[in-house]
Amino acid sequence: MTTRKMSGRKRRSLVAAAYLAISTAASLLFYVAARATGSAATDTLLGVVWVFALSAIVSASILPPVLERWHARRRRAEA
């Protein structure tokens, strides 16, 4: 059985989609918590933007090494 390897473009697209998903989920959770505590609309909007940006930065620094380790582990298991 042959397995298809993921191309570089597809891998980058997958990582970018993961960044967006993580950032969107964090922003949504922040929005729900801010509205539940009665924050002003401008404070909530500013917080959502900051949470989105910071979570994208953090996931950009953490996610690639994690995915590379996961990919290496899969390669070792297939060998």
Protein backbone atom coordinates (compact mmCIF):
# COMPACT_ATOMS: atom_id res chain seq x y z
CA MET A 1 0.00 0.00 0.00
CA THR A 2 1.36 3.39 -0.92
CA THR A 3 0.63 6.52 0.99
CA ARG A 4 0.48 9.96 -0.52
CA LYS A 5 2.70 12.53 1.10
CA MET A 6 1.29 15.94 1.83
CA SER A 7 2.78 18.66 -0.34
CA GLY A 8 4.37 21.74 1.17
CA ARG A 9 1.57 23.97 -0.06
CA LYS A 10 -1.11 21.73 1.42
CA ARG A 11 0.76 21.53 4.74
CA ARG A 12 1.09 25.33 4.90
CA SER A 13 -2.60 25.69 4.12
CA LEU A 14 -3.46 23.24 6.88
CA VAL A 15 -1.30 25.14 9.38
CA ALA A 16 -2.82 28.49 8.33
CA ALA A 17 -6.32 27.06 8.74
CA ALA A 18 -5.36 25.82 12.20
CA TYR A 19 -4.09 29.31 13.14
CA LEU A 20 -7.37 30.84 12.03
CA ALA A 21 -9.46 28.22 13.82
CA ILE A 22 -7.57 28.60 17.10
CA SER A 23 -7.66 32.39 16.94
CA THR A 24 -11.34 32.48 16.06
CA ALA A 25 -12.24 30.09 18.87
CA ALA A 26 -10.25 32.14 21.40
CA SER A 27 -11.87 35.37 20.22
CA LEU A 28 -15.33 33.84 20.40
CA LEU A 29 -14.72 32.63 23.95
CA PHE A 30 -13.45 36.08 24.91
CA TYR A 31 -16.51 37.73 23.35
CA VAL A 32 -18.92 35.47 25.22
CA ALA A 33 -17.12 36.04 28.52
CA ALA A 34 -16.92 39.82 28.00
CA ARG A 35 -20.61 40.12 27.15
CA ALA A 36 -21.55 37.89 30.10
CA THR A 37 -19.70 40.19 32.51
CA GLY A 38 -21.33 43.29 31.04
CA SER A 39 -18.32 44.89 29.33
CA ALA A 40 -18.88 47.85 27.06
CA ALA A 41 -19.16 47.16 23.33
CA THR A 42 -15.96 49.03 22.47
CA ASP A 43 -14.00 47.21 25.18
CA THR A 44 -15.35 43.91 23.93
CA LEU A 45 -14.47 44.65 20.31
CA LEU A 46 -10.96 45.81 21.19
CA GLY A 47 -10.47 42.72 23.34
CA VAL A 48 -11.63 40.41 20.55
CA VAL A 49 -9.09 41.97 18.17
CA TRP A 50 -6.28 41.67 20.71
CA VAL A 51 -7.15 38.08 21.61
CA PHE A 52 -7.28 37.14 17.93
CA ALA A 53 -3.87 38.69 17.24
CA LEU A 54 -2.16 37.31 20.32
CA SER A 55 -3.56 33.81 19.91
CA ALA A 56 -2.40 33.80 16.27
CA ILE A 57 1.10 34.78 17.40
CA VAL A 58 1.21 32.14 20.12
CA SER A 59 -0.17 29.40 17.89
CA ALA A 60 2.33 30.37 15.17
CA SER A 61 5.16 29.77 17.61
CA ILE A 62 3.80 26.56 19.12
CA LEU A 63 1.93 24.76 16.34
CA PRO A 64 4.69 24.13 13.74
CA PRO A 65 7.01 22.20 16.12
CA VAL A 66 4.05 20.19 17.42
CA LEU A 67 2.93 19.29 13.91
CA GLU A 68 6.50 18.42 12.89
CA ARG A 69 6.85 16.06 15.85
CA TRP A 70 3.49 14.50 15.01
CA HIS A 71 4.52 14.08 11.38
CA ALA A 72 7.89 12.54 12.35
CA ARG A 73 6.13 10.13 14.69
CA ARG A 74 3.80 9.06 11.87
CA ARG A 75 6.77 8.54 9.53
CA ARG A 76 8.51 6.36 12.13
CA ALA A 77 5.35 4.32 12.69
CA GLU A 78 4.94 3.71 8.94
CA ALA A 79 8.55 2.60 8.51
